[in-house]
C-alpha cells in the first residue's frame, strides 16, 4: 500500500509542478519548473527536479554529479536569489545528497511524505474550525507571512499569489481556526480531481502557538478530505522538525522521503 501511495504522491507532485510553473526547461537528468518572471522569490515555484541518476557512482562521482547539477541551477535559476534542486525519487535523492553535502554552501534536507491512515491518537476538538473563502483568509495569511519574512512586502505579495495559481490546476479549499472571533491558525487542502489531496501551508499566528490550533485545523481538513471522497490524503513534513510528530499523532504514517538541496548563488559564494 505505501509503495503505491508513494508513487501516487510523486506523480501528484510532478503534475502540480508542471501545471503551475510559468515555463519548463530540460537539463541532463531532469526538468526545471520555473516561475522566475512573476514569482522569482517563491522557493517551491522554482525547482530543478532530478529524475535520473547513473548507477554505481562512487562518492567522488556523486560529488561531480552534484557539482554539474549545481552548475545547471546556476544557469537556469540565474534570475533568482536562491538555488533549489529537488529529487522526488527516494533512492536518487539519498545518493545525490552524498554529493551535495560535499559542495560548499549547499545543504541537503529530507522531507517525509506522510499519508493519513489511522484515527488520531486522541480526540481532537475541531468545532471552532470552518472552511473559509480565500478573501477572508488572505489578510491573516498576509500578517503571518509578513512576520515570518521580517516585513518583506514583495516576498509576501508573491507568496499570496500562489494559492490563486494552484486553483487553476485543481481544487483548493481553505480552513481556519477561529478563537474569540478571529482566525489564529489555517491550512489548505489541494486536490487534483484524481482522488488524491495534499494538506499544505499549515500555519499558526505566533502569539497563539502551542495551543492545539494547528492540530485542530489539520484534523478538520482531513475530515473534509474524506467527506469529499479523496482516497489518499497526504502532507509533507521536514524530517528534523517537530510538526512531523504532530502529524503522526493525527494518524499520518511515513510512506517515503523526498530530498531538497538549497544553495547560494555563485556570486554569493564568491
Protein backbone atom coordinates (compact mmCIF):
# COMPACT_ATOMS: atom_id res chain seq x y z
CA UNK A 1 0.00 0.00 0.00
CA UNK A 2 2.64 2.54 1.00
CA UNK A 3 4.68 1.95 -2.17
CA UNK A 4 1.63 2.54 -4.35
CA UNK A 5 0.84 5.62 -2.29
CA UNK A 6 4.40 6.89 -2.60
CA UNK A 7 4.31 6.54 -6.38
CA UNK A 8 0.91 8.24 -6.49
CA UNK A 9 2.23 11.16 -4.42
CA UNK A 10 5.29 11.55 -6.65
CA UNK A 11 3.03 11.59 -9.72
CA UNK A 12 0.86 14.20 -7.96
CA UNK A 13 3.85 16.44 -7.17
CA UNK A 14 5.28 16.14 -10.68
CA UNK A 15 1.96 17.10 -12.24
CA UNK A 16 1.45 20.01 -9.83
CA UNK A 17 4.91 21.44 -10.50
CA UNK A 18 4.38 21.17 -14.25
CA UNK A 19 0.88 22.66 -14.17
CA UNK A 20 1.65 25.70 -12.03
CA UNK A 21 5.03 26.86 -13.33
CA UNK A 22 5.49 29.53 -15.99
CA UNK A 23 7.92 27.52 -18.11
CA UNK A 24 9.64 24.16 -18.31
CA UNK A 25 13.33 23.77 -19.12
CA UNK A 26 15.16 20.46 -19.51
CA UNK A 27 18.65 19.70 -18.26
CA UNK A 28 20.63 16.46 -18.23
CA UNK A 29 18.78 14.15 -15.87
CA UNK A 30 15.76 16.29 -15.15
CA UNK A 31 13.36 19.16 -15.68
CA UNK A 32 13.31 22.70 -14.31
CA UNK A 33 9.87 24.07 -13.39
CA UNK A 34 10.37 27.82 -13.23
CA UNK A 35 8.25 30.88 -12.41
CA UNK A 36 11.09 33.37 -12.47
CA UNK A 37 9.17 36.12 -14.25
CA UNK A 38 6.24 36.56 -11.86
CA UNK A 39 7.30 34.63 -8.74
CA UNK A 40 11.11 34.67 -8.55
CA UNK A 41 11.12 34.79 -4.73
CA UNK A 42 8.90 31.74 -4.12
CA UNK A 43 11.12 28.73 -3.49
CA UNK A 44 8.75 25.92 -4.40
CA UNK A 45 7.71 27.58 -7.65
CA UNK A 46 11.27 27.47 -8.99
CA UNK A 47 12.81 24.00 -8.91
CA UNK A 48 15.32 21.81 -10.71
CA UNK A 49 13.80 18.34 -10.48
CA UNK A 50 16.30 15.49 -10.79
CA UNK A 51 14.63 12.44 -12.33
CA UNK A 52 17.50 10.12 -13.23
CA UNK A 53 20.97 9.30 -11.94
CA UNK A 54 23.53 6.83 -13.26
CA UNK A 55 24.02 3.60 -11.29
CA UNK A 56 27.13 2.66 -9.32
CA UNK A 57 28.61 6.10 -8.84
CA UNK A 58 31.43 6.44 -6.32
CA UNK A 59 31.33 9.15 -3.66
CA UNK A 60 33.69 11.23 -5.79
CA UNK A 61 31.50 10.75 -8.86
CA UNK A 62 28.39 11.72 -6.87
CA UNK A 63 30.14 14.94 -5.86
CA UNK A 64 30.93 15.64 -9.51
CA UNK A 65 27.32 14.94 -10.48
CA UNK A 66 26.07 17.28 -7.74
CA UNK A 67 28.51 19.93 -8.94
CA UNK A 68 27.22 19.56 -12.50
CA UNK A 69 23.61 19.94 -11.34
CA UNK A 70 24.61 22.92 -9.23
CA UNK A 71 26.07 24.43 -12.39
CA UNK A 72 22.81 23.82 -14.25
CA UNK A 73 20.99 25.51 -11.37
CA UNK A 74 23.32 28.47 -11.69
CA UNK A 75 22.35 28.86 -15.34
CA UNK A 76 18.64 28.05 -15.19
CA UNK A 77 17.98 29.91 -11.94
CA UNK A 78 20.27 32.84 -12.68
CA UNK A 79 17.40 35.32 -12.23
CA UNK A 80 16.72 34.06 -8.72
CA UNK A 81 18.20 34.95 -5.35
CA UNK A 82 18.47 31.25 -4.43
CA UNK A 83 19.13 27.86 -5.95
CA UNK A 84 16.85 24.89 -5.22
CA UNK A 85 17.05 21.32 -6.51
CA UNK A 86 14.61 18.54 -5.61
CA UNK A 87 14.60 14.75 -6.00
CA UNK A 88 11.22 13.10 -5.51
CA UNK A 89 12.67 9.60 -6.02
CA UNK A 90 13.95 8.50 -2.62
CA UNK A 91 16.88 6.41 -3.88
CA UNK A 92 18.09 9.11 -6.24
CA UNK A 93 17.66 11.71 -3.53
CA UNK A 94 19.63 9.82 -0.90
CA UNK A 95 22.52 9.13 -3.26
CA UNK A 96 22.63 12.67 -4.59
CA UNK A 97 22.59 14.04 -1.04
CA UNK A 98 26.01 12.45 -0.55
CA UNK A 99 27.27 14.61 -3.40
CA UNK A 100 25.59 17.86 -2.44
CA UNK A 101 26.83 17.56 1.14
CA UNK A 102 30.37 17.88 -0.22
CA UNK A 103 29.64 21.16 -2.01
CA UNK A 104 30.37 24.42 -0.24
CA UNK A 105 27.23 26.26 0.93
CA UNK A 106 24.82 23.65 -0.38
CA UNK A 107 22.58 21.88 2.10
CA UNK A 108 20.52 18.72 1.76
CA UNK A 109 17.19 18.37 3.54
CA UNK A 110 14.97 15.32 3.97
CA UNK A 111 11.21 15.78 3.72
CA UNK A 112 8.93 12.96 4.83
CA UNK A 113 5.83 12.10 2.79
CA UNK A 114 3.04 11.14 5.19
CA UNK A 115 -0.35 9.62 4.32
CA UNK A 116 -3.37 9.64 6.61
CA UNK A 117 -4.16 6.03 7.59
CA UNK A 118 -5.34 5.92 11.20
CA UNK A 119 -7.63 7.59 13.65
CA UNK A 120 -5.89 10.28 15.73
CA UNK A 121 -4.22 9.06 18.90
CA UNK A 122 -6.64 11.18 20.96
CA UNK A 123 -9.89 13.06 20.40
CA UNK A 124 -9.38 16.40 18.67
CA UNK A 125 -11.85 19.24 19.16
CA UNK A 126 -12.22 20.95 15.79
CA UNK A 127 -15.57 22.57 16.50
CA UNK A 128 -14.04 26.05 16.09
CA UNK A 129 -12.61 25.30 12.62
CA UNK A 130 -14.53 26.03 9.43
CA UNK A 131 -13.98 26.40 5.71
CA UNK A 132 -13.40 29.97 4.56
CA UNK A 133 -13.07 31.81 1.28
CA UNK A 134 -9.64 32.92 0.15
CA UNK A 135 -10.69 36.55 0.54
CA UNK A 136 -11.47 36.01 4.23
CA UNK A 137 -8.20 34.24 4.91
CA UNK A 138 -5.87 36.48 2.91
CA UNK A 139 -5.44 39.31 5.48
CA UNK A 140 -4.46 36.80 8.18
CA UNK A 141 -2.14 34.95 5.82
CA UNK A 142 -0.54 38.28 4.93
CA UNK A 143 0.01 39.06 8.61
CA UNK A 144 1.60 35.65 9.13
CA UNK A 145 3.86 35.93 6.07
CA UNK A 146 5.00 39.44 6.96
CA UNK A 147 6.01 38.24 10.40
CA UNK A 148 7.81 35.18 9.00
CA UNK A 149 9.68 37.18 6.35
CA UNK A 150 10.65 40.07 8.60
CA UNK A 151 8.40 42.50 6.74
CA UNK A 152 9.43 41.62 3.17
CA UNK A 153 6.46 43.09 1.30
CA UNK A 154 7.49 41.87 -2.16
CA UNK A 155 8.02 38.30 -1.00
CA UNK A 156 4.64 38.34 0.73
CA UNK A 157 2.95 39.67 -2.40
CA UNK A 158 4.37 36.79 -4.41
CA UNK A 159 3.52 34.18 -1.76
CA UNK A 160 -0.10 35.35 -1.70
CA UNK A 161 -0.31 34.73 -5.45
CA UNK A 162 0.46 31.00 -5.14
CA UNK A 163 -2.95 29.73 -3.91
CA UNK A 164 -4.71 31.52 -6.75
CA UNK A 165 -2.34 29.89 -9.23
CA UNK A 166 -2.95 26.48 -7.64
CA UNK A 167 -6.68 26.94 -8.18
CA UNK A 168 -6.08 26.76 -11.93
CA UNK A 169 -4.57 23.27 -11.57
CA UNK A 170 -7.14 21.66 -9.26
CA UNK A 171 -9.45 22.38 -6.36
CA UNK A 172 -8.16 24.30 -3.36
CA UNK A 173 -10.01 24.78 -0.08
CA UNK A 174 -9.07 26.86 2.95
CA UNK A 175 -9.71 26.05 6.61
CA UNK A 176 -9.30 28.35 9.58
CA UNK A 177 -9.44 28.06 13.37
CA UNK A 178 -11.49 30.87 14.93
CA UNK A 179 -10.92 31.89 18.54
CA UNK A 180 -12.69 34.92 20.02
CA UNK A 181 -13.94 35.78 16.55
CA UNK A 182 -10.55 35.90 14.82
CA UNK A 183 -8.54 33.50 12.67
CA UNK A 184 -5.50 32.22 14.53
CA UNK A 185 -4.50 29.13 12.54
CA UNK A 186 -5.13 27.92 8.98
CA UNK A 187 -4.24 25.41 6.27
CA UNK A 188 -5.11 24.49 2.70
CA UNK A 189 -6.37 21.31 1.05
CA UNK A 190 -5.44 20.96 -2.62
CA UNK A 191 -6.84 18.11 -4.74
CA UNK A 192 -6.09 17.13 -8.31
CA UNK A 193 -9.55 15.75 -9.20
CA UNK A 194 -7.96 12.30 -9.34
CA UNK A 195 -8.68 11.05 -5.81
CA UNK A 196 -5.64 12.50 -4.03
CA UNK A 197 -5.29 15.62 -1.90
CA UNK A 198 -2.48 17.33 -0.01
CA UNK A 199 -2.76 19.32 3.22
CA UNK A 200 -0.42 22.26 2.82
CA UNK A 201 0.54 25.69 4.20
CA UNK A 202 -0.25 24.78 7.81
CA UNK A 203 0.37 27.89 9.93
CA UNK A 204 -0.49 29.45 13.28
CA UNK A 205 -0.01 33.09 14.20
CA UNK A 206 2.96 33.39 16.56
CA UNK A 207 1.13 34.59 19.74
CA UNK A 208 -1.21 31.59 19.61
CA UNK A 209 1.13 28.66 19.03
CA UNK A 210 1.34 25.56 21.24
CA UNK A 211 -2.40 25.75 21.92
CA UNK A 212 -3.55 22.87 19.71
CA UNK A 213 -4.84 25.11 16.91
CA UNK A 214 -2.80 23.53 14.10
CA UNK A 215 -3.84 20.10 15.38
CA UNK A 216 -7.49 21.07 15.13
CA UNK A 217 -7.13 22.73 11.72
CA UNK A 218 -5.32 19.79 10.12
CA UNK A 219 -7.75 17.33 11.71
CA UNK A 220 -10.68 19.25 10.22
CA UNK A 221 -9.01 19.32 6.78
CA UNK A 222 -8.53 15.54 6.89
CA UNK A 223 -12.17 15.02 7.84
CA UNK A 224 -13.30 17.21 4.93
CA UNK A 225 -10.92 15.43 2.56
CA UNK A 226 -12.52 12.09 3.42
CA UNK A 227 -16.01 13.56 3.09
CA UNK A 228 -15.10 14.84 -0.37
CA UNK A 229 -14.20 11.29 -1.40
CA UNK A 230 -10.42 11.59 -1.66
CA UNK A 231 -8.83 8.15 -1.48
CA UNK A 232 -5.41 9.49 -0.47
CA UNK A 233 -4.74 12.46 1.80
CA UNK A 234 -1.09 13.29 2.38
CA UNK A 235 1.23 16.03 3.52
CA UNK A 236 4.93 16.82 3.66
CA UNK A 237 6.95 17.33 6.84
CA UNK A 238 10.61 18.23 7.28
CA UNK A 239 12.28 15.20 8.84
CA UNK A 240 14.02 17.04 11.66
CA UNK A 241 11.20 19.42 12.57
CA UNK A 242 8.56 18.90 15.28
CA UNK A 243 5.37 19.00 13.10
CA UNK A 244 6.25 15.51 11.84
CA UNK A 245 5.42 14.15 15.30
CA UNK A 246 2.16 16.12 15.43
CA UNK A 247 1.05 14.64 12.12
CA UNK A 248 1.88 11.17 13.39
CA UNK A 249 -0.46 11.77 16.31
CA UNK A 250 -3.17 12.70 13.81
CA UNK A 251 -2.93 9.32 12.06
CA UNK A 252 -0.39 10.11 9.33
CA UNK A 253 2.25 7.48 8.55
CA UNK A 254 5.51 7.93 6.64
CA UNK A 255 5.32 6.46 3.13
CA UNK A 256 8.58 7.80 1.72
CA UNK A 257 11.13 10.59 1.66
CA UNK A 258 11.96 13.28 -0.85
CA UNK A 259 15.12 15.38 -0.87
CA UNK A 260 15.66 19.09 -1.36
CA UNK A 261 19.00 20.79 -1.90
CA UNK A 262 19.41 24.51 -1.34
CA UNK A 263 22.38 26.59 -2.36
CA UNK A 264 23.54 30.16 -2.59
CA UNK A 265 24.24 31.77 -5.99
CA UNK A 266 27.78 31.69 -7.28
CA UNK A 267 28.08 35.45 -6.72
CA UNK A 268 27.26 34.97 -3.02
CA UNK A 269 29.80 32.16 -2.70
CA UNK A 270 32.45 34.50 -4.06
